[in-house]
Amino acid sequence: MRRIRPASRTARKRLSALAERELTAGEVRQALATPLSDAERDESLSLIRWFRRRYPTPGERLAYVRRAYRRWSAAEGE
């Protein structure tokens, strides 16, 4: 199994800038007007089915989100 290296500080900054940038109204309209491809829809539905099997109750889903948020917050402070 191949181990994935953590992203460099530069890469994290670039990704953060992309993720945090504000979109224009035109960009939002364009994104919402673009339909998902069949492959994107199938992949999304597959991931939703997996998540719902893995975390079948609302309480389990909420507990997962809380754990994930703590992980993401800790990683942000690195």
N, C-alpha and C. Protein backbone atom coordinates (compact mmCIF):
# COMPACT_ATOMS: atom_id res chain seq x y z
N MET A 1 0.84 -1.18 0.00
CA MET A 1 0.00 0.00 0.00
C MET A 1 0.89 1.24 0.00
N ARG A 2 0.58 2.16 -0.87
CA ARG A 2 1.38 3.37 -0.99
C ARG A 2 0.95 4.40 0.05
N ARG A 3 1.91 4.95 0.74
CA ARG A 3 1.62 5.96 1.76
C ARG A 3 1.59 7.34 1.11
N ILE A 4 0.60 8.12 1.46
CA ILE A 4 0.47 9.46 0.92
C ILE A 4 1.14 10.45 1.86
N ARG A 5 2.03 11.26 1.29
CA ARG A 5 2.72 12.27 2.11
C ARG A 5 1.79 13.45 2.38
N PRO A 6 1.94 14.08 3.53
CA PRO A 6 1.15 15.29 3.79
C PRO A 6 1.55 16.39 2.80
N ALA A 7 0.60 17.25 2.51
CA ALA A 7 0.87 18.35 1.59
C ALA A 7 1.85 19.34 2.21
N SER A 8 2.64 19.96 1.38
CA SER A 8 3.59 20.97 1.86
C SER A 8 2.82 22.19 2.35
N ARG A 9 3.48 23.03 3.09
CA ARG A 9 2.86 24.27 3.57
C ARG A 9 2.40 25.13 2.40
N THR A 10 3.22 25.21 1.35
CA THR A 10 2.86 25.99 0.16
C THR A 10 1.61 25.43 -0.48
N ALA A 11 1.55 24.12 -0.63
CA ALA A 11 0.38 23.49 -1.25
C ALA A 11 -0.87 23.72 -0.39
N ARG A 12 -0.72 23.61 0.93
CA ARG A 12 -1.87 23.85 1.81
C ARG A 12 -2.37 25.29 1.69
N LYS A 13 -1.44 26.23 1.58
CA LYS A 13 -1.83 27.64 1.44
C LYS A 13 -2.57 27.86 0.12
N ARG A 14 -2.06 27.26 -0.95
CA ARG A 14 -2.71 27.41 -2.26
C ARG A 14 -4.10 26.78 -2.26
N LEU A 15 -4.21 25.59 -1.67
CA LEU A 15 -5.51 24.92 -1.60
C LEU A 15 -6.48 25.71 -0.74
N SER A 16 -5.99 26.23 0.37
CA SER A 16 -6.83 27.03 1.25
C SER A 16 -7.33 28.27 0.53
N ALA A 17 -6.44 28.94 -0.20
CA ALA A 17 -6.84 30.14 -0.94
C ALA A 17 -7.92 29.81 -1.97
N LEU A 18 -7.78 28.68 -2.65
CA LEU A 18 -8.79 28.28 -3.63
C LEU A 18 -10.11 27.95 -2.95
N ALA A 19 -10.05 27.23 -1.83
CA ALA A 19 -11.26 26.81 -1.13
C ALA A 19 -11.97 27.98 -0.47
N GLU A 20 -11.24 28.96 -0.02
CA GLU A 20 -11.82 30.08 0.73
C GLU A 20 -12.20 31.28 -0.12
N ARG A 21 -11.83 31.27 -1.41
CA ARG A 21 -12.11 32.45 -2.21
C ARG A 21 -13.61 32.64 -2.40
N GLU A 22 -14.02 33.88 -2.54
CA GLU A 22 -15.43 34.18 -2.76
C GLU A 22 -15.73 34.12 -4.26
N LEU A 23 -16.79 33.42 -4.58
CA LEU A 23 -17.21 33.29 -5.97
C LEU A 23 -18.09 34.46 -6.35
N THR A 24 -18.04 34.80 -7.62
CA THR A 24 -18.94 35.83 -8.13
C THR A 24 -20.32 35.20 -8.33
N ALA A 25 -21.32 36.04 -8.44
CA ALA A 25 -22.68 35.54 -8.69
C ALA A 25 -22.72 34.75 -10.00
N GLY A 26 -21.98 35.23 -11.00
CA GLY A 26 -21.94 34.53 -12.29
C GLY A 26 -21.33 33.15 -12.17
N GLU A 27 -20.27 33.02 -11.37
CA GLU A 27 -19.63 31.71 -11.18
C GLU A 27 -20.58 30.74 -10.49
N VAL A 28 -21.33 31.23 -9.52
CA VAL A 28 -22.29 30.38 -8.81
C VAL A 28 -23.40 29.94 -9.77
N ARG A 29 -23.94 30.88 -10.53
CA ARG A 29 -25.00 30.54 -11.50
C ARG A 29 -24.51 29.50 -12.50
N GLN A 30 -23.28 29.68 -12.98
CA GLN A 30 -22.73 28.74 -13.95
C GLN A 30 -22.56 27.36 -13.34
N ALA A 31 -22.05 27.29 -12.13
CA ALA A 31 -21.86 25.99 -11.47
C ALA A 31 -23.20 25.29 -11.22
N LEU A 32 -24.20 26.06 -10.80
CA LEU A 32 -25.52 25.46 -10.53
C LEU A 32 -26.23 25.05 -11.81
N ALA A 33 -25.91 25.69 -12.91
CA ALA A 33 -26.55 25.37 -14.19
C ALA A 33 -25.92 24.16 -14.88
N THR A 34 -24.73 23.76 -14.40
CA THR A 34 -24.02 22.63 -15.02
C THR A 34 -24.49 21.33 -14.37
N PRO A 35 -25.17 20.47 -15.14
CA PRO A 35 -25.66 19.22 -14.54
C PRO A 35 -24.50 18.26 -14.25
N LEU A 36 -24.72 17.41 -13.25
CA LEU A 36 -23.74 16.37 -12.95
C LEU A 36 -23.73 15.35 -14.08
N SER A 37 -22.57 14.81 -14.34
CA SER A 37 -22.50 13.73 -15.32
C SER A 37 -23.06 12.47 -14.67
N ASP A 38 -23.36 11.47 -15.48
CA ASP A 38 -23.85 10.20 -14.93
C ASP A 38 -22.83 9.61 -13.97
N ALA A 39 -21.55 9.70 -14.32
CA ALA A 39 -20.49 9.14 -13.46
C ALA A 39 -20.43 9.88 -12.12
N GLU A 40 -20.54 11.22 -12.15
CA GLU A 40 -20.52 12.00 -10.91
C GLU A 40 -21.72 11.67 -10.03
N ARG A 41 -22.88 11.57 -10.65
CA ARG A 41 -24.09 11.23 -9.90
C ARG A 41 -23.97 9.84 -9.28
N ASP A 42 -23.51 8.86 -10.07
CA ASP A 42 -23.36 7.50 -9.55
C ASP A 42 -22.36 7.44 -8.40
N GLU A 43 -21.25 8.17 -8.54
CA GLU A 43 -20.25 8.18 -7.48
C GLU A 43 -20.80 8.83 -6.21
N SER A 44 -21.52 9.93 -6.37
CA SER A 44 -22.13 10.60 -5.21
C SER A 44 -23.11 9.68 -4.50
N LEU A 45 -23.98 9.03 -5.25
CA LEU A 45 -24.95 8.12 -4.65
C LEU A 45 -24.27 6.95 -3.97
N SER A 46 -23.20 6.45 -4.56
CA SER A 46 -22.45 5.35 -3.96
C SER A 46 -21.84 5.78 -2.62
N LEU A 47 -21.27 6.98 -2.57
CA LEU A 47 -20.69 7.48 -1.33
C LEU A 47 -21.76 7.71 -0.26
N ILE A 48 -22.91 8.20 -0.68
CA ILE A 48 -24.01 8.41 0.27
C ILE A 48 -24.48 7.08 0.84
N ARG A 49 -24.63 6.07 -0.02
CA ARG A 49 -25.05 4.75 0.46
C ARG A 49 -24.03 4.18 1.44
N TRP A 50 -22.73 4.30 1.12
CA TRP A 50 -21.69 3.81 2.03
C TRP A 50 -21.78 4.52 3.38
N PHE A 51 -21.88 5.85 3.34
CA PHE A 51 -21.92 6.62 4.59
C PHE A 51 -23.12 6.23 5.44
N ARG A 52 -24.25 6.05 4.80
CA ARG A 52 -25.46 5.70 5.56
C ARG A 52 -25.39 4.29 6.12
N ARG A 53 -24.69 3.38 5.44
CA ARG A 53 -24.49 2.04 6.01
C ARG A 53 -23.51 2.10 7.17
N ARG A 54 -22.44 2.87 7.01
CA ARG A 54 -21.40 2.97 8.03
C ARG A 54 -21.89 3.68 9.27
N TYR A 55 -22.72 4.70 9.08
CA TYR A 55 -23.27 5.50 10.18
C TYR A 55 -24.79 5.53 10.03
N PRO A 56 -25.48 4.46 10.45
CA PRO A 56 -26.90 4.33 10.15
C PRO A 56 -27.84 5.27 10.92
N THR A 57 -27.44 5.77 12.07
CA THR A 57 -28.34 6.61 12.84
C THR A 57 -27.88 8.07 12.83
N PRO A 58 -28.81 8.99 13.04
CA PRO A 58 -28.41 10.40 13.12
C PRO A 58 -27.36 10.66 14.20
N GLY A 59 -27.47 9.97 15.32
CA GLY A 59 -26.48 10.14 16.39
C GLY A 59 -25.09 9.72 15.96
N GLU A 60 -25.00 8.61 15.24
CA GLU A 60 -23.69 8.14 14.75
C GLU A 60 -23.13 9.11 13.71
N ARG A 61 -23.99 9.66 12.88
CA ARG A 61 -23.53 10.61 11.87
C ARG A 61 -23.02 11.89 12.53
N LEU A 62 -23.73 12.35 13.54
CA LEU A 62 -23.31 13.55 14.25
C LEU A 62 -21.99 13.31 14.98
N ALA A 63 -21.85 12.15 15.60
CA ALA A 63 -20.59 11.82 16.29
C ALA A 63 -19.44 11.79 15.30
N TYR A 64 -19.65 11.24 14.11
CA TYR A 64 -18.61 11.23 13.09
C TYR A 64 -18.20 12.66 12.71
N VAL A 65 -19.19 13.52 12.47
CA VAL A 65 -18.91 14.89 12.07
C VAL A 65 -18.12 15.61 13.16
N ARG A 66 -18.48 15.38 14.41
CA ARG A 66 -17.75 16.02 15.51
C ARG A 66 -16.30 15.56 15.55
N ARG A 67 -16.07 14.25 15.38
CA ARG A 67 -14.69 13.73 15.36
C ARG A 67 -13.92 14.29 14.18
N ALA A 68 -14.55 14.31 13.02
CA ALA A 68 -13.89 14.82 11.82
C ALA A 68 -13.55 16.29 11.98
N TYR A 69 -14.45 17.06 12.56
CA TYR A 69 -14.20 18.49 12.75
C TYR A 69 -13.01 18.70 13.68
N ARG A 70 -12.91 17.90 14.73
CA ARG A 70 -11.75 18.01 15.63
C ARG A 70 -10.46 17.69 14.89
N ARG A 71 -10.48 16.66 14.04
CA ARG A 71 -9.30 16.31 13.25
C ARG A 71 -8.92 17.45 12.31
N TRP A 72 -9.90 17.98 11.60
CA TRP A 72 -9.63 19.05 10.63
C TRP A 72 -9.13 20.30 11.34
N SER A 73 -9.72 20.60 12.49
CA SER A 73 -9.28 21.78 13.25
C SER A 73 -7.85 21.61 13.74
N ALA A 74 -7.52 20.41 14.21
CA ALA A 74 -6.15 20.15 14.68
C ALA A 74 -5.16 20.24 13.53
N ALA A 75 -5.53 19.73 12.37
CA ALA A 75 -4.64 19.76 11.21
C ALA A 75 -4.43 21.20 10.73
N GLU A 76 -5.45 22.02 10.87
CA GLU A 76 -5.35 23.42 10.45
C GLU A 76 -4.31 24.17 11.27
N GLY A 77 -4.14 23.76 12.52
CA GLY A 77 -3.19 24.43 13.40
C GLY A 77 -1.74 24.01 13.20
N GLU A 78 -1.49 23.05 12.34
CA GLU A 78 -0.10 22.56 12.13
C GLU A 78 0.79 23.62 11.55
